[in-house]
Structure formats: structure tokens, C-alpha cells
Amino acid sequence: MSISLEYFPFTHDELPVKKVFEVNGTNYSLEIRYNDVFDFYSIYVYDGDDNLLFSAKLNYLTDALDAVCEELKIGRHIVPLNESDVSRDYSEIGRIGKENFDTMKICLI
């Protein structure tokens, strides 16, 4: 079985980083930061004028956009996942950390 996922290209070595992406015809800046004290990642979503619209901790196989934000019109889910987990009955990764960040993708579903 072959699947194709749309994802945001981030690597641990480039963090913290902010990149601009077009989603549904609108430009958003996505920033990823790493907390090296507690080994977790956060995502920040900005509009085209660089106003912060939403932020959240990245949790594996969980939609990062877990709350309503009127200004955020993505209309899709941002979900960190490992491509191999899509066709499995169980998850290969339990949580996102420095040791596995580069093996998974932050997908737009």
C-alpha cells in the first residue's frame, strides 16, 4: 500500500525556526520550538501579518489545532506522525522527543 502525505518540512537541527506555508490559498507562518529541559516541541501559527493565532505542544498522533480560533482558517488538522504508523495497528512512537523528531512528519490532514 502506498500513501502520500502533505507535510511541513522541519528538522530538529534547524530549530527554532519559522517558515511560511500556503494552506487553502492563505499564507501562514509556522514556528517550531524545542524545549530542551523537558524534551518537547511546540508549534506556533501566525497569520500573514505575523500575528500569533495559535500555539500548542506537539503530541504524537494528536491534532495540534485542538481548539477553535476564528482567525485560523486552515480547515484541516496538523498531526505529527510517522508514515509507517499509518498502516499499523499500533504506534511505533509513544511521544515526540529529540531522539525521534526527525523520523516523523508534521502532516496536514
PDB file of N, CA and C in Angstrom:
ATOM      1  N   MET A   1       0.842  -1.177   0.000  1.00  0.00           N
ATOM      2  CA  MET A   1       0.000   0.000   0.000  1.00  0.00           C
ATOM      3  C   MET A   1       0.890   1.245   0.000  1.00  0.00           C
ATOM      4  N   SER A   2       0.596   2.183  -0.860  1.00  0.00           N
ATOM      5  CA  SER A   2       1.361   3.413  -0.955  1.00  0.00           C
ATOM      6  C   SER A   2       0.452   4.600  -0.631  1.00  0.00           C
ATOM      7  N   ILE A   3       0.930   5.487   0.230  1.00  0.00           N
ATOM      8  CA  ILE A   3       0.171   6.681   0.557  1.00  0.00           C
ATOM      9  C   ILE A   3       1.070   7.894   0.388  1.00  0.00           C
ATOM     10  N   SER A   4       0.457   9.025   0.170  1.00  0.00           N
ATOM     11  CA  SER A   4       1.194  10.268   0.041  1.00  0.00           C
ATOM     12  C   SER A   4       0.616  11.256   1.044  1.00  0.00           C
ATOM     13  N   LEU A   5       1.474  11.812   1.880  1.00  0.00           N
ATOM     14  CA  LEU A   5       1.044  12.750   2.900  1.00  0.00           C
ATOM     15  C   LEU A   5       1.617  14.129   2.614  1.00  0.00           C
ATOM     16  N   GLU A   6       0.797  15.149   2.824  1.00  0.00           N
ATOM     17  CA  GLU A   6       1.281  16.523   2.733  1.00  0.00           C
ATOM     18  C   GLU A   6       1.808  16.886   4.122  1.00  0.00           C
ATOM     19  N   TYR A   7       3.051  17.354   4.178  1.00  0.00           N
ATOM     20  CA  TYR A   7       3.634  17.641   5.481  1.00  0.00           C
ATOM     21  C   TYR A   7       4.510  18.897   5.421  1.00  0.00           C
ATOM     22  N   PHE A   8       4.798  19.419   6.610  1.00  0.00           N
ATOM     23  CA  PHE A   8       5.649  20.587   6.751  1.00  0.00           C
ATOM     24  C   PHE A   8       7.067  20.115   7.038  1.00  0.00           C
ATOM     25  N   PRO A   9       8.046  20.510   6.217  1.00  0.00           N
ATOM     26  CA  PRO A   9       9.416  20.019   6.390  1.00  0.00           C
ATOM     27  C   PRO A   9      10.179  20.775   7.483  1.00  0.00           C
ATOM     28  N   PHE A  10      10.342  20.121   8.612  1.00  0.00           N
ATOM     29  CA  PHE A  10      11.133  20.652   9.712  1.00  0.00           C
ATOM     30  C   PHE A  10      12.094  19.567  10.180  1.00  0.00           C
ATOM     31  N   THR A  11      13.293  19.974  10.614  1.00  0.00           N
ATOM     32  CA  THR A  11      14.233  19.044  11.225  1.00  0.00           C
ATOM     33  C   THR A  11      14.668  19.614  12.571  1.00  0.00           C
ATOM     34  N   HIS A  12      15.055  18.736  13.462  1.00  0.00           N
ATOM     35  CA  HIS A  12      15.449  19.174  14.799  1.00  0.00           C
ATOM     36  C   HIS A  12      16.639  20.139  14.756  1.00  0.00           C
ATOM     37  N   ASP A  13      17.598  19.886  13.889  1.00  0.00           N
ATOM     38  CA  ASP A  13      18.822  20.702  13.847  1.00  0.00           C
ATOM     39  C   ASP A  13      18.584  22.152  13.444  1.00  0.00           C
ATOM     40  N   GLU A  14      17.481  22.453  12.782  1.00  0.00           N
ATOM     41  CA  GLU A  14      17.220  23.826  12.355  1.00  0.00           C
ATOM     42  C   GLU A  14      16.394  24.621  13.371  1.00  0.00           C
ATOM     43  N   LEU A  15      15.975  24.006  14.454  1.00  0.00           N
ATOM     44  CA  LEU A  15      15.090  24.656  15.420  1.00  0.00           C
ATOM     45  C   LEU A  15      15.846  25.588  16.349  1.00  0.00           C
ATOM     46  N   PRO A  16      15.220  26.673  16.819  1.00  0.00           N
ATOM     47  CA  PRO A  16      13.869  27.114  16.463  1.00  0.00           C
ATOM     48  C   PRO A  16      13.856  27.717  15.068  1.00  0.00           C
ATOM     49  N   VAL A  17      12.742  27.529  14.372  1.00  0.00           N
ATOM     50  CA  VAL A  17      12.630  28.032  13.006  1.00  0.00           C
ATOM     51  C   VAL A  17      11.183  28.421  12.724  1.00  0.00           C
ATOM     52  N   LYS A  18      11.034  29.429  11.859  1.00  0.00           N
ATOM     53  CA  LYS A  18       9.709  29.863  11.405  1.00  0.00           C
ATOM     54  C   LYS A  18       9.727  29.835   9.887  1.00  0.00           C
ATOM     55  N   LYS A  19       8.727  29.173   9.287  1.00  0.00           N
ATOM     56  CA  LYS A  19       8.629  29.077   7.832  1.00  0.00           C
ATOM     57  C   LYS A  19       7.220  29.459   7.393  1.00  0.00           C
ATOM     58  N   VAL A  20       7.127  30.014   6.189  1.00  0.00           N
ATOM     59  CA  VAL A  20       5.835  30.404   5.619  1.00  0.00           C
ATOM     60  C   VAL A  20       5.334  29.291   4.714  1.00  0.00           C
ATOM     61  N   PHE A  21       4.053  28.935   4.896  1.00  0.00           N
ATOM     62  CA  PHE A  21       3.392  27.917   4.080  1.00  0.00           C
ATOM     63  C   PHE A  21       2.053  28.443   3.605  1.00  0.00           C
ATOM     64  N   GLU A  22       1.674  28.037   2.403  1.00  0.00           N
ATOM     65  CA  GLU A  22       0.341  28.369   1.895  1.00  0.00           C
ATOM     66  C   GLU A  22      -0.584  27.185   2.158  1.00  0.00           C
ATOM     67  N   VAL A  23      -1.692  27.461   2.839  1.00  0.00           N
ATOM     68  CA  VAL A  23      -2.699  26.442   3.127  1.00  0.00           C
ATOM     69  C   VAL A  23      -4.059  26.998   2.709  1.00  0.00           C
ATOM     70  N   ASN A  24      -4.716  26.307   1.801  1.00  0.00           N
ATOM     71  CA  ASN A  24      -6.027  26.743   1.287  1.00  0.00           C
ATOM     72  C   ASN A  24      -5.997  28.177   0.768  1.00  0.00           C
ATOM     73  N   GLY A  25      -4.911  28.550   0.098  1.00  0.00           N
ATOM     74  CA  GLY A  25      -4.809  29.865  -0.518  1.00  0.00           C
ATOM     75  C   GLY A  25      -4.407  30.989   0.422  1.00  0.00           C
ATOM     76  N   THR A  26      -4.100  30.681   1.677  1.00  0.00           N
ATOM     77  CA  THR A  26      -3.706  31.690   2.650  1.00  0.00           C
ATOM     78  C   THR A  26      -2.318  31.359   3.190  1.00  0.00           C
ATOM     79  N   ASN A  27      -1.483  32.402   3.334  1.00  0.00           N
ATOM     80  CA  ASN A  27      -0.151  32.202   3.886  1.00  0.00           C
ATOM     81  C   ASN A  27      -0.191  32.242   5.406  1.00  0.00           C
ATOM     82  N   TYR A  28       0.440  31.245   6.015  1.00  0.00           N
ATOM     83  CA  TYR A  28       0.612  31.172   7.457  1.00  0.00           C
ATOM     84  C   TYR A  28       2.085  30.922   7.735  1.00  0.00           C
ATOM     85  N   SER A  29       2.571  31.482   8.833  1.00  0.00           N
ATOM     86  CA  SER A  29       3.918  31.152   9.301  1.00  0.00           C
ATOM     87  C   SER A  29       3.762  30.124  10.406  1.00  0.00           C
ATOM     88  N   LEU A  30       4.528  29.043  10.299  1.00  0.00           N
ATOM     89  CA  LEU A  30       4.559  28.023  11.336  1.00  0.00           C
ATOM     90  C   LEU A  30       5.941  28.052  11.962  1.00  0.00           C
ATOM     91  N   GLU A  31       5.951  28.159  13.269  1.00  0.00           N
ATOM     92  CA  GLU A  31       7.201  28.161  14.012  1.00  0.00           C
ATOM     93  C   GLU A  31       7.223  26.922  14.905  1.00  0.00           C
ATOM     94  N   ILE A  32       8.353  26.239  14.917  1.00  0.00           N
ATOM     95  CA  ILE A  32       8.543  25.077  15.777  1.00  0.00           C
ATOM     96  C   ILE A  32       9.682  25.405  16.735  1.00  0.00           C
ATOM     97  N   ARG A  33       9.422  25.173  18.025  1.00  0.00           N
ATOM     98  CA  ARG A  33      10.443  25.384  19.049  1.00  0.00           C
ATOM     99  C   ARG A  33      10.621  24.095  19.851  1.00  0.00           C
ATOM    100  N   TYR A  34      11.844  23.902  20.330  1.00  0.00           N
ATOM    101  CA  TYR A  34      12.166  22.734  21.148  1.00  0.00           C
ATOM    102  C   TYR A  34      12.473  23.177  22.571  1.00  0.00           C
ATOM    103  N   ASN A  35      11.881  22.502  23.550  1.00  0.00           N
ATOM    104  CA  ASN A  35      12.166  22.742  24.955  1.00  0.00           C
ATOM    105  C   ASN A  35      13.141  21.669  25.401  1.00  0.00           C
ATOM    106  N   ASP A  36      14.410  22.060  25.539  1.00  0.00           N
ATOM    107  CA  ASP A  36      15.431  21.062  25.863  1.00  0.00           C
ATOM    108  C   ASP A  36      15.436  20.649  27.333  1.00  0.00           C
ATOM    109  N   VAL A  37      14.757  21.380  28.201  1.00  0.00           N
ATOM    110  CA  VAL A  37      14.666  20.996  29.608  1.00  0.00           C
ATOM    111  C   VAL A  37      13.722  19.809  29.777  1.00  0.00           C
ATOM    112  N   PHE A  38      12.558  19.863  29.098  1.00  0.00           N
ATOM    113  CA  PHE A  38      11.547  18.817  29.247  1.00  0.00           C
ATOM    114  C   PHE A  38      11.365  17.964  27.986  1.00  0.00           C
ATOM    115  N   ASP A  39      12.213  18.179  26.964  1.00  0.00           N
ATOM    116  CA  ASP A  39      12.223  17.364  25.747  1.00  0.00           C
ATOM    117  C   ASP A  39      10.859  17.300  25.067  1.00  0.00           C
ATOM    118  N   PHE A  40      10.334  18.476  24.678  1.00  0.00           N
ATOM    119  CA  PHE A  40       9.105  18.508  23.895  1.00  0.00           C
ATOM    120  C   PHE A  40       9.163  19.659  22.907  1.00  0.00           C
ATOM    121  N   TYR A  41       8.236  19.639  21.962  1.00  0.00           N
ATOM    122  CA  TYR A  41       8.169  20.621  20.880  1.00  0.00           C
ATOM    123  C   TYR A  41       6.853  21.382  20.950  1.00  0.00           C
ATOM    124  N   SER A  42       6.910  22.643  20.531  1.00  0.00           N
ATOM    125  CA  SER A  42       5.718  23.480  20.456  1.00  0.00           C
ATOM    126  C   SER A  42       5.594  24.028  19.046  1.00  0.00           C
ATOM    127  N   ILE A  43       4.343  24.238  18.629  1.00  0.00           N
ATOM    128  CA  ILE A  43       4.062  24.828  17.323  1.00  0.00           C
ATOM    129  C   ILE A  43       3.332  26.151  17.543  1.00  0.00           C
ATOM    130  N   TYR A  44       3.717  27.147  16.751  1.00  0.00           N
ATOM    131  CA  TYR A  44       3.095  28.466  16.792  1.00  0.00           C
ATOM    132  C   TYR A  44       2.640  28.790  15.376  1.00  0.00           C
ATOM    133  N   VAL A  45       1.400  29.234  15.235  1.00  0.00           N
ATOM    134  CA  VAL A  45       0.840  29.553  13.919  1.00  0.00           C
ATOM    135  C   VAL A  45       0.552  31.052  13.879  1.00  0.00           C
ATOM    136  N   TYR A  46       1.105  31.728  12.868  1.00  0.00           N
ATOM    137  CA  TYR A  46       0.954  33.171  12.697  1.00  0.00           C
ATOM    138  C   TYR A  46       0.226  33.458  11.385  1.00  0.00           C
ATOM    139  N   ASP A  47      -0.481  34.578  11.339  1.00  0.00           N
ATOM    140  CA  ASP A  47      -1.119  34.996  10.091  1.00  0.00           C
ATOM    141  C   ASP A  47      -0.092  35.712   9.214  1.00  0.00           C
ATOM    142  N   GLY A  48      -0.537  36.199   8.051  1.00  0.00           N
ATOM    143  CA  GLY A  48       0.355  36.866   7.097  1.00  0.00           C
ATOM    144  C   GLY A  48       0.975  38.150   7.618  1.00  0.00           C
ATOM    145  N   ASP A  49       0.375  38.751   8.666  1.00  0.00           N
ATOM    146  CA  ASP A  49       0.910  39.969   9.271  1.00  0.00           C
ATOM    147  C   ASP A  49       1.754  39.660  10.508  1.00  0.00           C
ATOM    148  N   ASP A  50       2.066  38.389  10.713  1.00  0.00           N
ATOM    149  CA  ASP A  50       2.892  37.905  11.817  1.00  0.00           C
ATOM    150  C   ASP A  50       2.226  38.046  13.188  1.00  0.00           C
ATOM    151  N   ASN A  51       0.883  38.020  13.203  1.00  0.00           N
ATOM    152  CA  ASN A  51       0.143  37.986  14.467  1.00  0.00           C
ATOM    153  C   ASN A  51      -0.019  36.532  14.893  1.00  0.00           C
ATOM    154  N   LEU A  52       0.291  36.238  16.143  1.00  0.00           N
ATOM    155  CA  LEU A  52       0.136  34.881  16.654  1.00  0.00           C
ATOM    156  C   LEU A  52      -1.346  34.518  16.714  1.00  0.00           C
ATOM    157  N   LEU A  53      -1.702  33.418  16.043  1.00  0.00           N
ATOM    158  CA  LEU A  53      -3.082  32.953  16.032  1.00  0.00           C
ATOM    159  C   LEU A  53      -3.304  31.795  16.987  1.00  0.00           C
ATOM    160  N   PHE A  54      -2.302  30.931  17.118  1.00  0.00           N
ATOM    161  CA  PHE A  54      -2.497  29.712  17.890  1.00  0.00           C
ATOM    162  C   PHE A  54      -1.147  29.128  18.266  1.00  0.00           C
ATOM    163  N   SER A  55      -1.092  28.503  19.431  1.00  0.00           N
ATOM    164  CA  SER A  55       0.117  27.768  19.821  1.00  0.00           C
ATOM    165  C   SER A  55      -0.302  26.535  20.606  1.00  0.00           C
ATOM    166  N   ALA A  56       0.534  25.503  20.538  1.00  0.00           N
ATOM    167  CA  ALA A  56       0.227  24.253  21.237  1.00  0.00           C
ATOM    168  C   ALA A  56       1.486  23.407  21.359  1.00  0.00           C
ATOM    169  N   LYS A  57       1.471  22.501  22.309  1.00  0.00           N
ATOM    170  CA  LYS A  57       2.508  21.487  22.417  1.00  0.00           C
ATOM    171  C   LYS A  57       2.212  20.429  21.370  1.00  0.00           C
ATOM    172  N   LEU A  58       3.246  19.950  20.681  1.00  0.00           N
ATOM    173  CA  LEU A  58       3.061  18.879  19.705  1.00  0.00           C
ATOM    174  C   LEU A  58       3.002  17.537  20.426  1.00  0.00           C
ATOM    175  N   ASN A  59       1.924  16.819  20.228  1.00  0.00           N
ATOM    176  CA  ASN A  59       1.741  15.482  20.781  1.00  0.00           C
ATOM    177  C   ASN A  59       1.556  14.508  19.633  1.00  0.00           C
ATOM    178  N   TYR A  60       2.204  13.373  19.738  1.00  0.00           N
ATOM    179  CA  TYR A  60       2.181  12.390  18.668  1.00  0.00           C
ATOM    180  C   TYR A  60       0.766  11.886  18.395  1.00  0.00           C
ATOM    181  N   LEU A  61       0.408  11.814  17.102  1.00  0.00           N
ATOM    182  CA  LEU A  61      -0.895  11.347  16.619  1.00  0.00           C
ATOM    183  C   LEU A  61      -2.067  12.151  17.171  1.00  0.00           C
ATOM    184  N   THR A  62      -1.820  13.425  17.507  1.00  0.00           N
ATOM    185  CA  THR A  62      -2.860  14.301  18.047  1.00  0.00           C
ATOM    186  C   THR A  62      -2.884  15.592  17.248  1.00  0.00           C
ATOM    187  N   ASP A  63      -4.095  16.045  16.914  1.00  0.00           N
ATOM    188  CA  ASP A  63      -4.246  17.289  16.171  1.00  0.00           C
ATOM    189  C   ASP A  63      -3.718  18.451  17.006  1.00  0.00           C
ATOM    190  N   ALA A  64      -2.759  19.181  16.471  1.00  0.00           N
ATOM    191  CA  ALA A  64      -2.207  20.342  17.170  1.00  0.00           C
ATOM    192  C   ALA A  64      -3.223  21.477  17.255  1.00  0.00           C
ATOM    193  N   LEU A  65      -4.159  21.513  16.313  1.00  0.00           N
ATOM    194  CA  LEU A  65      -5.192  22.551  16.313  1.00  0.00           C
ATOM    195  C   LEU A  65      -6.425  22.030  17.048  1.00  0.00           C
ATOM    196  N   ASP A  66      -6.296  21.905  18.345  1.00  0.00           N
ATOM    197  CA  ASP A  66      -7.342  21.262  19.136  1.00  0.00           C
ATOM    198  C   ASP A  66      -8.351  22.229  19.747  1.00  0.00           C
ATOM    199  N   ALA A  67      -8.321  23.484  19.338  1.00  0.00           N
ATOM    200  CA  ALA A  67      -9.265  24.480  19.841  1.00  0.00           C
ATOM    201  C   ALA A  67      -9.735  25.359  18.691  1.00  0.00           C
ATOM    202  N   VAL A  68     -10.833  26.039  18.890  1.00  0.00           N
ATOM    203  CA  VAL A  68     -11.389  26.921  17.863  1.00  0.00           C
ATOM    204  C   VAL A  68     -10.663  28.256  17.901  1.00  0.00           C
ATOM    205  N   CYS A  69     -10.248  28.711  16.727  1.00  0.00           N
ATOM    206  CA  CYS A  69      -9.633  30.024  16.570  1.00  0.00           C
ATOM    207  C   CYS A  69     -10.255  30.649  15.324  1.00  0.00           C
ATOM    208  N   GLU A  70     -11.064  31.673  15.510  1.00  0.00           N
ATOM    209  CA  GLU A  70     -11.819  32.275  14.413  1.00  0.00           C
ATOM    210  C   GLU A  70     -10.926  32.760  13.268  1.00  0.00           C
ATOM    211  N   GLU A  71      -9.739  33.280  13.592  1.00  0.00           N
ATOM    212  CA  GLU A  71      -8.852  33.825  12.557  1.00  0.00           C
ATOM    213  C   GLU A  71      -8.096  32.751  11.788  1.00  0.00           C
ATOM    214  N   LEU A  72      -8.066  31.557  12.314  1.00  0.00           N
ATOM    215  CA  LEU A  72      -7.328  30.462  11.694  1.00  0.00           C
ATOM    216  C   LEU A  72      -8.263  29.671  10.790  1.00  0.00           C
ATOM    217  N   LYS A  73      -8.064  29.770   9.487  1.00  0.00           N
ATOM    218  CA  LYS A  73      -8.974  29.177   8.502  1.00  0.00           C
ATOM    219  C   LYS A  73      -8.329  28.012   7.757  1.00  0.00           C
ATOM    220  N   ILE A  74      -7.496  27.229   8.431  1.00  0.00           N
ATOM    221  CA  ILE A  74      -6.816  26.122   7.767  1.00  0.00           C
ATOM    222  C   ILE A  74      -7.819  25.052   7.345  1.00  0.00           C
ATOM    223  N   GLY A  75      -8.783  24.753   8.203  1.00  0.00           N
ATOM    224  CA  GLY A  75      -9.818  23.771   7.855  1.00  0.00           C
ATOM    225  C   GLY A  75      -9.298  22.344   7.747  1.00  0.00           C
ATOM    226  N   ARG A  76      -8.127  22.099   8.269  1.00  0.00           N
ATOM    227  CA  ARG A  76      -7.524  20.765   8.259  1.00  0.00           C
ATOM    228  C   ARG A  76      -6.849  20.532   9.598  1.00  0.00           C
ATOM    229  N   HIS A  77      -6.272  19.372   9.765  1.00  0.00           N
ATOM    230  CA  HIS A  77      -5.608  19.020  11.008  1.00  0.00           C
ATOM    231  C   HIS A  77      -4.098  19.020  10.811  1.00  0.00           C
ATOM    232  N   ILE A  78      -3.373  19.438  11.829  1.00  0.00           N
ATOM    233  CA  ILE A  78      -1.916  19.348  11.835  1.00  0.00           C
ATOM    234  C   ILE A  78      -1.565  18.247  12.835  1.00  0.00           C
ATOM    235  N   VAL A  79      -1.087  17.120  12.301  1.00  0.00           N
ATOM    236  CA  VAL A  79      -0.874  15.929  13.123  1.00  0.00           C
ATOM    237  C   VAL A  79       0.548  15.388  12.933  1.00  0.00           C
ATOM    238  N   PRO A  80       1.331  15.330  13.998  1.00  0.00           N
ATOM    239  CA  PRO A  80       2.647  14.696  13.903  1.00  0.00           C
ATOM    240  C   PRO A  80       2.493  13.174  13.856  1.00  0.00           C
ATOM    241  N   LEU A  81       3.113  12.554  12.866  1.00  0.00           N
ATOM    242  CA  LEU A  81       3.037  11.099  12.772  1.00  0.00           C
ATOM    243  C   LEU A  81       4.203  10.535  12.003  1.00  0.00           C
ATOM    244  N   ASN A  82       4.434   9.267  12.210  1.00  0.00           N
ATOM    245  CA  ASN A  82       5.439   8.512  11.488  1.00  0.00           C
ATOM    246  C   ASN A  82       4.701   7.812  10.348  1.00  0.00           C
ATOM    247  N   GLU A  83       5.165   7.970   9.123  1.00  0.00           N
ATOM    248  CA  GLU A  83       4.460   7.390   7.970  1.00  0.00           C
ATOM    249  C   GLU A  83       4.203   5.893   8.127  1.00  0.00           C
ATOM    250  N   SER A  84       5.112   5.182   8.759  1.00  0.00           N
ATOM    251  CA  SER A  84       4.919   3.740   8.909  1.00  0.00           C
ATOM    252  C   SER A  84       3.771   3.406   9.854  1.00  0.00           C
ATOM    253  N   ASP A  85       3.408   4.337  10.740  1.00  0.00           N
ATOM    254  CA  ASP A  85       2.298   4.087  11.660  1.00  0.00           C
ATOM    255  C   ASP A  85       0.932   4.149  10.993  1.00  0.00           C
ATOM    256  N   VAL A  86       0.856   4.743   9.815  1.00  0.00           N
ATOM    257  CA  VAL A  86      -0.424   4.863   9.120  1.00  0.00           C
ATOM    258  C   VAL A  86      -1.020   3.493   8.806  1.00  0.00           C
ATOM    259  N   SER A  87      -0.190   2.536   8.509  1.00  0.00           N
ATOM    260  CA  SER A  87      -0.679   1.205   8.138  1.00  0.00           C
ATOM    261  C   SER A  87      -0.497   0.167   9.255  1.00  0.00           C
ATOM    262  N   ARG A  88      -0.260   0.603  10.470  1.00  0.00           N
ATOM    263  CA  ARG A  88      -0.053  -0.316  11.595  1.00  0.00           C
ATOM    264  C   ARG A  88      -1.264  -0.334  12.522  1.00  0.00           C
ATOM    265  N   ASP A  89      -1.350  -1.375  13.301  1.00  0.00           N
ATOM    266  CA  ASP A  89      -2.383  -1.469  14.325  1.00  0.00           C
ATOM    267  C   ASP A  89      -1.952  -0.780  15.621  1.00  0.00           C
ATOM    268  N   TYR A  90      -0.661  -0.493  15.746  1.00  0.00           N
ATOM    269  CA  TYR A  90      -0.130   0.147  16.943  1.00  0.00           C
ATOM    270  C   TYR A  90       0.872   1.220  16.525  1.00  0.00           C
ATOM    271  N   SER A  91       1.130   2.137  17.418  1.00  0.00           N
ATOM    272  CA  SER A  91       2.044   3.231  17.128  1.00  0.00           C
ATOM    273  C   SER A  91       3.482   2.831  17.432  1.00  0.00           C
ATOM    274  N   GLU A  92       4.381   3.185  16.528  1.00  0.00           N
ATOM    275  CA  GLU A  92       5.803   2.921  16.732  1.00  0.00           C
ATOM    276  C   GLU A  92       6.420   3.933  17.706  1.00  0.00           C
ATOM    277  N   ILE A  93       5.864   5.124  17.751  1.00  0.00           N
ATOM    278  CA  ILE A  93       6.370   6.207  18.596  1.00  0.00           C
ATOM    279  C   ILE A  93       5.333   6.495  19.682  1.00  0.00           C
ATOM    280  N   GLY A  94       5.802   6.579  20.929  1.00  0.00           N
ATOM    281  CA  GLY A  94       4.894   6.887  22.027  1.00  0.00           C
ATOM    282  C   GLY A  94       4.746   8.381  22.266  1.00  0.00           C
ATOM    283  N   ARG A  95       5.848   9.103  22.097  1.00  0.00           N
ATOM    284  CA  ARG A  95       5.822  10.543  22.284  1.00  0.00           C
ATOM    285  C   ARG A  95       6.903  11.167  21.402  1.00  0.00           C
ATOM    286  N   ILE A  96       6.776  12.449  21.142  1.00  0.00           N
ATOM    287  CA  ILE A  96       7.764  13.160  20.336  1.00  0.00           C
ATOM    288  C   ILE A  96       8.868  13.663  21.255  1.00  0.00           C
ATOM    289  N   GLY A  97      10.098  13.329  20.917  1.00  0.00           N
ATOM    290  CA  GLY A  97      11.257  13.803  21.655  1.00  0.00           C
ATOM    291  C   GLY A  97      12.418  14.006  20.702  1.00  0.00           C
ATOM    292  N   LYS A  98      13.512  14.491  21.229  1.00  0.00           N
ATOM    293  CA  LYS A  98      14.685  14.781  20.399  1.00  0.00           C
ATOM    294  C   LYS A  98      15.167  13.548  19.643  1.00  0.00           C
ATOM    295  N   GLU A  99      15.074  12.358  20.273  1.00  0.00           N
ATOM    296  CA  GLU A  99      15.576  11.139  19.641  1.00  0.00           C
ATOM    297  C   GLU A  99      14.742  10.678  18.450  1.00  0.00           C
ATOM    298  N   ASN A 100      13.508  11.151  18.302  1.00  0.00           N
ATOM    299  CA  ASN A 100      12.682  10.671  17.187  1.00  0.00           C
ATOM    300  C   ASN A 100      12.030  11.771  16.348  1.00  0.00           C
ATOM    301  N   PHE A 101      12.309  13.034  16.637  1.00  0.00           N
ATOM    302  CA  PHE A 101      11.653  14.121  15.902  1.00  0.00           C
ATOM    303  C   PHE A 101      11.865  14.000  14.395  1.00  0.00           C
ATOM    304  N   ASP A 102      13.078  13.679  13.979  1.00  0.00           N
ATOM    305  CA  ASP A 102      13.374  13.625  12.543  1.00  0.00           C
ATOM    306  C   ASP A 102      12.838  12.368  11.855  1.00  0.00           C
ATOM    307  N   THR A 103      12.325  11.406  12.607  1.00  0.00           N
ATOM    308  CA  THR A 103      11.745  10.207  11.989  1.00  0.00           C
ATOM    309  C   THR A 103      10.258  10.370  11.694  1.00  0.00           C
ATOM    310  N   MET A 104       9.643  11.409  12.228  1.00  0.00           N
ATOM    311  CA  MET A 104       8.220  11.629  11.965  1.00  0.00           C
ATOM    312  C   MET A 104       8.027  12.906  11.180  1.00  0.00           C
ATOM    313  N   LYS A 105       6.804  13.134  10.738  1.00  0.00           N
ATOM    314  CA  LYS A 105       6.472  14.296   9.937  1.00  0.00           C
ATOM    315  C   LYS A 105       5.305  15.038  10.588  1.00  0.00           C
ATOM    316  N   ILE A 106       5.284  16.351  10.414  1.00  0.00           N
ATOM    317  CA  ILE A 106       4.160  17.149  10.888  1.00  0.00           C
ATOM    318  C   ILE A 106       3.242  17.305   9.683  1.00  0.00           C
ATOM    319  N   CYS A 107       2.188  16.501   9.668  1.00  0.00           N
ATOM    320  CA  CYS A 107       1.342  16.353   8.478  1.00  0.00           C
ATOM    321  C   CYS A 107       0.124  17.261   8.504  1.00  0.00           C
ATOM    322  N   LEU A 108      -0.313  17.638   7.327  1.00  0.00           N
ATOM    323  CA  LEU A 108      -1.541  18.393   7.124  1.00  0.00           C
ATOM    324  C   LEU A 108      -2.565  17.408   6.584  1.00  0.00           C
ATOM    325  N   ILE A 109      -3.541  17.082   7.398  1.00  0.00           N
ATOM    326  CA  ILE A 109      -4.526  16.048   7.042  1.00  0.00           C
ATOM    327  C   ILE A 109      -5.911  16.674   6.901  1.00  0.00           C
TER     328      ILE A 109
END
